[in-house]
Every structure is written in C-alpha cells, then in structure tokens.
Amino acid sequence: MYRMREWSVCHASALSRIYGWLESLLVRLDPLWRAIGHERLEKPFAAVERTVKGFLFDCQMCGDCVLSSTGMSCPMNCPKHLRNGPCGGVRENGNCEVIPTMKCVWVAAYEGSQNIPGGVQAMRVIQFAVDRRLSGTSSWLRVVRDKTGAGA
C-alpha cells in the first residue's frame, strides 16, 4: 500500500482532475441519488470508496476526506493523525519520527500539493478535528449532499 500512496502523491495533478470530474458527475446525478435515497446508498457508496481510495491512498475511511487539499496524501496515515501539518519530529530526510522508514505524510502532502493548482494554498486552510461519528461512511456521498443542499 505504501508504494501506491507514493504513486498517488506523484500523480496528484492527474488524480485531482479525475476527482474533480467524479465529484461533478456525482453532483449532477443527485436527482437519481435522491430518488433512490441517500440512506440506501450509504453502504454501497462506502464500499466502493473504501476499495478505490483504500487502494490508491491507503484510505482509513474517516468519513471526512481532505485528500484534495493535501496533495493526495491522506493525513490519517500519519501515526499521530495530525490533520494540519507535521509534528516537530520530522527527520532531516523527511521521514516520520514514529515510523522512520516512512516519508512524513505532510512532506508528501506538500510535494503533491505543488502539482495541483492552488494546492499549497489549500493546505493552509485549518482542518477541524475528524468527527469520529463519520468513520466508515462515504465522504463522496457527503460532498454531494453538501453541494446540493440535500442535508446530512
């Protein structure tokens, strides 16, 4: 999984465009999602999201995805689960202090964000703590509801 996480950061620009396209498609299909019922769609959406994002980003299914603002590097892969930047223990080579063989997810996030228009600026937005009640739920479906005013 670690190699795929590295690959995803290296290809952040293309993945960001794909994500934008997918988000746009899902939002346009909102009338269908409403007809079916968002509650009924939660499990299938979460299963697909877990598979796709799990493979590409080692997604932890926090339900509050910020990949588009962290250069396609998931902050939930940080052993300390830091969502707003690195801890003070990043090693000189950019690796994690807790897992010395792993690149700090925030070093990777900065590298990936440099390849996404507005990405470095997006990293400056303070992220709220993860709402653990959302764990295991689909952030894709949540984005659709937020963007279309369908509520939570």
N, C-alpha and C. Protein backbone atom coordinates (compact mmCIF):
# COMPACT_ATOMS: atom_id res chain seq x y z
N MET A 1 0.81 -1.19 0.00
CA MET A 1 0.00 0.00 0.00
C MET A 1 0.86 1.26 0.00
N TYR A 2 1.98 1.21 0.70
CA TYR A 2 2.82 2.40 0.81
C TYR A 2 3.29 2.87 -0.57
N ARG A 3 3.63 1.95 -1.45
CA ARG A 3 4.07 2.32 -2.80
C ARG A 3 2.95 3.01 -3.59
N MET A 4 1.73 2.54 -3.40
CA MET A 4 0.60 3.19 -4.08
C MET A 4 0.37 4.59 -3.51
N ARG A 5 0.56 4.76 -2.21
CA ARG A 5 0.43 6.10 -1.62
C ARG A 5 1.46 7.03 -2.24
N GLU A 6 2.68 6.55 -2.40
CA GLU A 6 3.73 7.36 -3.02
C GLU A 6 3.38 7.68 -4.47
N TRP A 7 2.88 6.67 -5.20
CA TRP A 7 2.49 6.86 -6.59
C TRP A 7 1.39 7.92 -6.68
N SER A 8 0.42 7.86 -5.79
CA SER A 8 -0.70 8.79 -5.81
C SER A 8 -0.25 10.23 -5.60
N VAL A 9 0.71 10.43 -4.72
CA VAL A 9 1.23 11.78 -4.49
C VAL A 9 1.98 12.26 -5.72
N CYS A 10 2.76 11.38 -6.34
CA CYS A 10 3.50 11.75 -7.55
C CYS A 10 2.56 12.11 -8.70
N HIS A 11 1.37 11.54 -8.71
CA HIS A 11 0.40 11.78 -9.77
C HIS A 11 -0.79 12.60 -9.26
N ALA A 12 -0.52 13.45 -8.29
CA ALA A 12 -1.57 14.24 -7.66
C ALA A 12 -2.32 15.11 -8.66
N SER A 13 -1.63 15.65 -9.64
CA SER A 13 -2.27 16.53 -10.61
C SER A 13 -3.36 15.77 -11.38
N ALA A 14 -3.02 14.63 -11.92
CA ALA A 14 -4.00 13.83 -12.68
C ALA A 14 -5.12 13.33 -11.77
N LEU A 15 -4.77 12.86 -10.58
CA LEU A 15 -5.79 12.36 -9.67
C LEU A 15 -6.72 13.47 -9.22
N SER A 16 -6.20 14.67 -9.07
CA SER A 16 -7.03 15.81 -8.69
C SER A 16 -8.04 16.12 -9.79
N ARG A 17 -7.61 16.06 -11.04
CA ARG A 17 -8.53 16.29 -12.16
C ARG A 17 -9.60 15.20 -12.21
N ILE A 18 -9.19 13.95 -12.01
CA ILE A 18 -10.15 12.84 -12.00
C ILE A 18 -11.15 13.02 -10.86
N TYR A 19 -10.65 13.42 -9.69
CA TYR A 19 -11.52 13.64 -8.54
C TYR A 19 -12.53 14.74 -8.85
N GLY A 20 -12.08 15.83 -9.48
CA GLY A 20 -12.98 16.92 -9.84
C GLY A 20 -14.05 16.47 -10.81
N TRP A 21 -13.66 15.66 -11.78
CA TRP A 21 -14.62 15.12 -12.74
C TRP A 21 -15.63 14.21 -12.04
N LEU A 22 -15.15 13.32 -11.17
CA LEU A 22 -16.03 12.40 -10.45
C LEU A 22 -17.00 13.18 -9.55
N GLU A 23 -16.48 14.16 -8.85
CA GLU A 23 -17.34 14.96 -7.98
C GLU A 23 -18.44 15.64 -8.79
N SER A 24 -18.07 16.22 -9.93
CA SER A 24 -19.04 16.88 -10.79
C SER A 24 -20.11 15.90 -11.27
N LEU A 25 -19.69 14.71 -11.66
CA LEU A 25 -20.63 13.69 -12.11
C LEU A 25 -21.58 13.28 -11.00
N LEU A 26 -21.04 13.03 -9.82
CA LEU A 26 -21.87 12.61 -8.69
C LEU A 26 -22.88 13.69 -8.32
N VAL A 27 -22.46 14.95 -8.37
CA VAL A 27 -23.37 16.06 -8.06
C VAL A 27 -24.47 16.16 -9.11
N ARG A 28 -24.12 15.99 -10.39
CA ARG A 28 -25.13 16.04 -11.45
C ARG A 28 -26.14 14.91 -11.33
N LEU A 29 -25.70 13.78 -10.78
CA LEU A 29 -26.60 12.63 -10.62
C LEU A 29 -27.42 12.70 -9.33
N ASP A 30 -27.35 13.82 -8.63
CA ASP A 30 -28.06 13.94 -7.36
C ASP A 30 -29.55 13.63 -7.45
N PRO A 31 -30.26 14.04 -8.51
CA PRO A 31 -31.69 13.67 -8.57
C PRO A 31 -31.89 12.15 -8.49
N LEU A 32 -31.01 11.40 -9.11
CA LEU A 32 -31.08 9.94 -9.02
C LEU A 32 -30.81 9.47 -7.60
N TRP A 33 -29.77 10.05 -6.96
CA TRP A 33 -29.43 9.65 -5.59
C TRP A 33 -30.60 9.95 -4.64
N ARG A 34 -31.25 11.10 -4.86
CA ARG A 34 -32.40 11.46 -4.01
C ARG A 34 -33.55 10.48 -4.22
N ALA A 35 -33.77 10.10 -5.49
CA ALA A 35 -34.87 9.16 -5.79
C ALA A 35 -34.63 7.81 -5.14
N ILE A 36 -33.40 7.36 -5.16
CA ILE A 36 -33.06 6.07 -4.54
C ILE A 36 -33.08 6.20 -3.03
N GLY A 37 -32.56 7.33 -2.55
CA GLY A 37 -32.48 7.57 -1.10
C GLY A 37 -31.04 7.51 -0.63
N HIS A 38 -30.56 8.61 -0.11
CA HIS A 38 -29.17 8.66 0.35
C HIS A 38 -28.86 7.60 1.41
N GLU A 39 -29.85 7.32 2.26
CA GLU A 39 -29.63 6.32 3.32
C GLU A 39 -29.35 4.94 2.70
N ARG A 40 -30.09 4.60 1.64
CA ARG A 40 -29.90 3.31 0.97
C ARG A 40 -28.56 3.24 0.25
N LEU A 41 -28.07 4.38 -0.19
CA LEU A 41 -26.82 4.41 -0.97
C LEU A 41 -25.57 4.41 -0.10
N GLU A 42 -25.72 4.69 1.17
CA GLU A 42 -24.55 4.85 2.04
C GLU A 42 -23.64 3.63 2.03
N LYS A 43 -24.17 2.45 2.23
CA LYS A 43 -23.32 1.25 2.28
C LYS A 43 -22.64 0.95 0.94
N PRO A 44 -23.38 0.97 -0.18
CA PRO A 44 -22.69 0.70 -1.45
C PRO A 44 -21.64 1.78 -1.80
N PHE A 45 -21.97 3.05 -1.55
CA PHE A 45 -21.00 4.11 -1.81
C PHE A 45 -19.76 3.92 -0.95
N ALA A 46 -19.96 3.64 0.34
CA ALA A 46 -18.83 3.45 1.25
C ALA A 46 -17.98 2.26 0.82
N ALA A 47 -18.60 1.19 0.34
CA ALA A 47 -17.85 0.01 -0.09
C ALA A 47 -16.98 0.33 -1.31
N VAL A 48 -17.54 1.04 -2.28
CA VAL A 48 -16.77 1.41 -3.46
C VAL A 48 -15.65 2.38 -3.07
N GLU A 49 -15.99 3.35 -2.25
CA GLU A 49 -15.00 4.33 -1.81
C GLU A 49 -13.86 3.66 -1.04
N ARG A 50 -14.21 2.73 -0.16
CA ARG A 50 -13.19 2.00 0.62
C ARG A 50 -12.23 1.25 -0.31
N THR A 51 -12.78 0.64 -1.35
CA THR A 51 -11.96 -0.12 -2.29
C THR A 51 -11.05 0.78 -3.10
N VAL A 52 -11.63 1.80 -3.73
CA VAL A 52 -10.86 2.69 -4.61
C VAL A 52 -9.85 3.50 -3.81
N LYS A 53 -10.32 4.20 -2.80
CA LYS A 53 -9.43 5.06 -2.03
C LYS A 53 -8.49 4.25 -1.14
N GLY A 54 -8.93 3.08 -0.73
CA GLY A 54 -8.05 2.21 0.04
C GLY A 54 -6.84 1.79 -0.79
N PHE A 55 -7.10 1.43 -2.04
CA PHE A 55 -6.02 1.02 -2.93
C PHE A 55 -5.08 2.19 -3.26
N LEU A 56 -5.65 3.32 -3.65
CA LEU A 56 -4.83 4.44 -4.10
C LEU A 56 -4.15 5.22 -2.97
N PHE A 57 -4.86 5.40 -1.86
CA PHE A 57 -4.36 6.31 -0.82
C PHE A 57 -4.19 5.66 0.55
N ASP A 58 -4.44 4.36 0.65
CA ASP A 58 -4.46 3.67 1.93
C ASP A 58 -5.46 4.35 2.86
N CYS A 59 -6.64 4.64 2.29
CA CYS A 59 -7.70 5.38 2.97
C CYS A 59 -8.11 4.67 4.26
N GLN A 60 -8.30 5.47 5.30
CA GLN A 60 -8.71 4.95 6.60
C GLN A 60 -10.22 5.10 6.82
N MET A 61 -10.94 5.61 5.79
CA MET A 61 -12.39 5.81 5.85
C MET A 61 -12.82 6.62 7.07
N CYS A 62 -12.18 7.76 7.24
CA CYS A 62 -12.52 8.64 8.36
C CYS A 62 -13.87 9.31 8.14
N GLY A 63 -14.34 9.36 6.88
CA GLY A 63 -15.61 9.98 6.56
C GLY A 63 -15.53 11.48 6.38
N ASP A 64 -14.33 12.04 6.52
CA ASP A 64 -14.12 13.48 6.42
C ASP A 64 -12.88 13.73 5.58
N CYS A 65 -12.94 13.32 4.32
CA CYS A 65 -11.77 13.30 3.44
C CYS A 65 -11.27 14.71 3.09
N VAL A 66 -9.95 14.87 3.14
CA VAL A 66 -9.31 16.14 2.78
C VAL A 66 -8.22 15.92 1.73
N LEU A 67 -8.26 14.80 1.03
CA LEU A 67 -7.22 14.49 0.03
C LEU A 67 -7.02 15.61 -0.98
N SER A 68 -8.10 16.25 -1.39
CA SER A 68 -7.98 17.30 -2.41
C SER A 68 -7.26 18.54 -1.89
N SER A 69 -7.11 18.65 -0.58
CA SER A 69 -6.38 19.81 -0.04
C SER A 69 -5.06 19.40 0.61
N THR A 70 -4.68 18.14 0.44
CA THR A 70 -3.39 17.69 1.00
C THR A 70 -2.57 16.95 -0.05
N GLY A 71 -2.66 17.39 -1.29
CA GLY A 71 -1.83 16.82 -2.34
C GLY A 71 -1.98 15.33 -2.53
N MET A 72 -3.17 14.81 -2.25
CA MET A 72 -3.49 13.39 -2.37
C MET A 72 -2.72 12.51 -1.38
N SER A 73 -2.27 13.12 -0.29
CA SER A 73 -1.62 12.39 0.80
C SER A 73 -2.57 12.44 2.00
N CYS A 74 -3.03 11.28 2.42
CA CYS A 74 -4.03 11.23 3.49
C CYS A 74 -3.39 11.48 4.86
N PRO A 75 -3.81 12.53 5.56
CA PRO A 75 -3.23 12.79 6.88
C PRO A 75 -3.58 11.73 7.91
N MET A 76 -4.61 10.93 7.63
CA MET A 76 -4.97 9.86 8.57
C MET A 76 -3.94 8.73 8.56
N ASN A 77 -3.02 8.75 7.59
CA ASN A 77 -1.94 7.77 7.58
C ASN A 77 -0.79 8.20 8.48
N CYS A 78 -0.86 9.40 9.01
CA CYS A 78 0.13 9.85 9.99
C CYS A 78 -0.11 9.05 11.27
N PRO A 79 0.93 8.48 11.84
CA PRO A 79 0.74 7.71 13.07
C PRO A 79 0.12 8.54 14.20
N LYS A 80 0.27 9.86 14.12
CA LYS A 80 -0.30 10.74 15.14
C LYS A 80 -1.63 11.35 14.69
N HIS A 81 -2.07 11.03 13.47
CA HIS A 81 -3.33 11.52 12.90
C HIS A 81 -3.41 13.04 12.89
N LEU A 82 -2.30 13.69 12.57
CA LEU A 82 -2.28 15.15 12.53
C LEU A 82 -2.90 15.64 11.22
N ARG A 83 -3.86 16.53 11.30
CA ARG A 83 -4.60 17.00 10.11
C ARG A 83 -4.21 18.39 9.65
N ASN A 84 -3.31 19.05 10.35
CA ASN A 84 -2.97 20.42 9.99
C ASN A 84 -1.48 20.67 9.88
N GLY A 85 -0.73 19.68 9.52
CA GLY A 85 0.70 19.86 9.32
C GLY A 85 1.51 18.88 10.15
N PRO A 86 2.79 18.86 9.88
CA PRO A 86 3.65 17.87 10.53
C PRO A 86 3.91 18.20 12.00
N CYS A 87 4.28 17.16 12.71
CA CYS A 87 4.69 17.35 14.10
C CYS A 87 6.11 17.91 14.12
N GLY A 88 6.66 18.10 15.26
CA GLY A 88 8.02 18.62 15.35
C GLY A 88 9.08 17.54 15.18
N GLY A 89 8.68 16.33 14.88
CA GLY A 89 9.63 15.23 14.82
C GLY A 89 9.98 14.73 13.44
N VAL A 90 9.68 15.52 12.41
CA VAL A 90 10.04 15.10 11.05
C VAL A 90 11.57 15.04 10.97
N ARG A 91 12.07 13.92 10.50
CA ARG A 91 13.53 13.74 10.40
C ARG A 91 14.11 14.58 9.27
N GLU A 92 15.41 14.77 9.30
CA GLU A 92 16.08 15.59 8.28
C GLU A 92 15.82 15.08 6.86
N ASN A 93 15.68 13.77 6.72
CA ASN A 93 15.44 13.21 5.38
C ASN A 93 13.96 13.26 4.99
N GLY A 94 13.11 13.86 5.83
CA GLY A 94 11.68 13.98 5.54
C GLY A 94 10.86 12.80 6.02
N ASN A 95 11.48 11.87 6.69
CA ASN A 95 10.74 10.70 7.17
C ASN A 95 10.10 10.95 8.53
N CYS A 96 9.19 10.08 8.86
CA CYS A 96 8.40 10.15 10.09
C CYS A 96 9.25 9.77 11.30
N GLU A 97 9.01 10.45 12.43
CA GLU A 97 9.74 10.10 13.64
C GLU A 97 9.23 8.80 14.25
N VAL A 98 7.97 8.47 14.04
CA VAL A 98 7.38 7.27 14.62
C VAL A 98 7.71 6.04 13.77
N ILE A 99 7.60 6.18 12.44
CA ILE A 99 7.92 5.10 11.51
C ILE A 99 9.05 5.61 10.62
N PRO A 100 10.29 5.43 11.02
CA PRO A 100 11.43 6.03 10.32
C PRO A 100 11.59 5.63 8.86
N THR A 101 10.99 4.53 8.43
CA THR A 101 11.11 4.11 7.03
C THR A 101 10.04 4.74 6.14
N MET A 102 9.11 5.48 6.75
CA MET A 102 8.00 6.09 6.01
C MET A 102 8.22 7.59 5.89
N LYS A 103 7.99 8.11 4.68
CA LYS A 103 8.04 9.56 4.49
C LYS A 103 6.90 10.19 5.27
N CYS A 104 7.16 11.30 5.92
CA CYS A 104 6.12 12.03 6.64
C CYS A 104 4.99 12.34 5.66
N VAL A 105 3.75 12.07 6.06
CA VAL A 105 2.63 12.31 5.16
C VAL A 105 2.51 13.80 4.81
N TRP A 106 2.99 14.66 5.67
CA TRP A 106 2.91 16.10 5.40
C TRP A 106 4.01 16.56 4.46
N VAL A 107 5.14 15.91 4.46
CA VAL A 107 6.17 16.18 3.46
C VAL A 107 5.63 15.75 2.10
N ALA A 108 5.02 14.57 2.07
CA ALA A 108 4.40 14.07 0.83
C ALA A 108 3.27 14.99 0.39
N ALA A 109 2.47 15.47 1.35
CA ALA A 109 1.36 16.36 1.02
C ALA A 109 1.86 17.64 0.37
N TYR A 110 2.92 18.19 0.88
CA TYR A 110 3.47 19.41 0.29
C TYR A 110 3.96 19.14 -1.14
N GLU A 111 4.64 18.02 -1.32
CA GLU A 111 5.14 17.67 -2.66
C GLU A 111 3.97 17.49 -3.64
N GLY A 112 2.93 16.77 -3.22
CA GLY A 112 1.77 16.57 -4.08
C GLY A 112 1.02 17.86 -4.35
N SER A 113 0.91 18.71 -3.34
CA SER A 113 0.18 19.97 -3.48
C SER A 113 0.83 20.92 -4.47
N GLN A 114 2.12 20.80 -4.64
CA GLN A 114 2.82 21.66 -5.60
C GLN A 114 2.39 21.36 -7.03
N ASN A 115 1.81 20.19 -7.27
CA ASN A 115 1.37 19.79 -8.61
C ASN A 115 -0.10 20.04 -8.87
N ILE A 116 -0.82 20.59 -7.88
CA ILE A 116 -2.24 20.86 -8.01
C ILE A 116 -2.44 22.37 -7.97
N PRO A 117 -3.11 22.95 -8.95
CA PRO A 117 -3.36 24.39 -8.90
C PRO A 117 -4.05 24.79 -7.59
N GLY A 118 -3.45 25.70 -6.86
CA GLY A 118 -3.99 26.15 -5.58
C GLY A 118 -3.77 25.18 -4.45
N GLY A 119 -3.02 24.12 -4.70
CA GLY A 119 -2.85 23.06 -3.70
C GLY A 119 -2.10 23.48 -2.45
N VAL A 120 -1.01 24.21 -2.62
CA VAL A 120 -0.23 24.63 -1.46
C VAL A 120 -1.08 25.60 -0.62
N GLN A 121 -1.81 26.48 -1.27
CA GLN A 121 -2.69 27.41 -0.56
C GLN A 121 -3.79 26.64 0.18
N ALA A 122 -4.31 25.59 -0.43
CA ALA A 122 -5.37 24.79 0.21
C ALA A 122 -4.88 24.13 1.49
N MET A 123 -3.59 23.82 1.55
CA MET A 123 -3.03 23.21 2.76
C MET A 123 -3.05 24.18 3.94
N ARG A 124 -3.14 25.45 3.67
CA ARG A 124 -3.13 26.46 4.74
C ARG A 124 -4.48 26.60 5.44
N VAL A 125 -5.51 26.01 4.86
CA VAL A 125 -6.84 26.06 5.49
C VAL A 125 -6.84 25.11 6.68
N ILE A 126 -7.21 25.64 7.83
CA ILE A 126 -7.24 24.82 9.06
C ILE A 126 -8.37 23.80 8.95
N GLN A 127 -8.02 22.55 9.18
CA GLN A 127 -9.00 21.46 9.16
C GLN A 127 -9.48 21.20 10.58
N PHE A 128 -10.77 21.01 10.73
CA PHE A 128 -11.31 20.66 12.03
C PHE A 128 -10.92 19.22 12.37
N ALA A 129 -10.99 18.89 13.63
CA ALA A 129 -10.73 17.51 14.05
C ALA A 129 -11.73 16.59 13.37
N VAL A 130 -11.31 15.37 13.13
CA VAL A 130 -12.19 14.38 12.49
C VAL A 130 -13.36 14.06 13.42
N ASP A 131 -14.54 14.07 12.85
CA ASP A 131 -15.74 13.68 13.58
C ASP A 131 -15.80 12.15 13.52
N ARG A 132 -15.45 11.50 14.59
CA ARG A 132 -15.35 10.04 14.61
C ARG A 132 -16.70 9.35 14.35
N ARG A 133 -17.79 10.09 14.50
CA ARG A 133 -19.10 9.50 14.18
C ARG A 133 -19.23 9.20 12.70
N LEU A 134 -18.41 9.86 11.86
CA LEU A 134 -18.47 9.66 10.41
C LEU A 134 -17.60 8.49 9.93
N SER A 135 -16.83 7.92 10.82
CA SER A 135 -15.92 6.84 10.46
C SER A 135 -16.66 5.71 9.74
N GLY A 136 -16.11 5.31 8.59
CA GLY A 136 -16.69 4.23 7.80
C GLY A 136 -17.77 4.67 6.83
N THR A 137 -18.11 5.96 6.84
CA THR A 137 -19.14 6.46 5.93
C THR A 137 -18.51 7.06 4.68
N SER A 138 -19.32 7.28 3.67
CA SER A 138 -18.85 7.78 2.39
C SER A 138 -18.70 9.30 2.40
N SER A 139 -17.49 9.76 2.20
CA SER A 139 -17.30 11.21 2.09
C SER A 139 -17.77 11.69 0.72
N TRP A 140 -17.77 10.83 -0.29
CA TRP A 140 -18.27 11.20 -1.62
C TRP A 140 -19.75 11.57 -1.53
N LEU A 141 -20.52 10.73 -0.88
CA LEU A 141 -21.95 10.99 -0.74
C LEU A 141 -22.19 12.25 0.10
N ARG A 142 -21.37 12.46 1.10
CA ARG A 142 -21.49 13.66 1.94
C ARG A 142 -21.22 14.92 1.11
N VAL A 143 -20.23 14.87 0.22
CA VAL A 143 -19.93 16.02 -0.64
C VAL A 143 -21.14 16.32 -1.52
N VAL A 144 -21.75 15.30 -2.08
CA VAL A 144 -22.93 15.50 -2.93
C VAL A 144 -24.03 16.18 -2.13
N ARG A 145 -24.29 15.69 -0.93
CA ARG A 145 -25.34 16.29 -0.09
C ARG A 145 -25.01 17.73 0.26
N ASP A 146 -23.77 17.99 0.58
CA ASP A 146 -23.35 19.36 0.92
C ASP A 146 -23.49 20.30 -0.26
N LYS A 147 -23.08 19.86 -1.43
CA LYS A 147 -23.10 20.72 -2.61
C LYS A 147 -24.48 20.93 -3.19
N THR A 148 -25.40 20.03 -2.91
CA THR A 148 -26.75 20.14 -3.47
C THR A 148 -27.77 20.58 -2.44
N GLY A 149 -27.33 20.75 -1.20
CA GLY A 149 -28.24 21.18 -0.16
C GLY A 149 -29.20 20.09 0.30
N ALA A 150 -28.81 18.83 0.07
CA ALA A 150 -29.68 17.72 0.45
C ALA A 150 -29.60 17.40 1.94
N GLY A 151 -28.73 18.10 2.67
CA GLY A 151 -28.60 17.84 4.11
C GLY A 151 -27.79 16.60 4.39
N ALA A 152 -27.56 16.36 5.66
CA ALA A 152 -26.74 15.22 6.07
C ALA A 152 -27.54 13.97 6.27
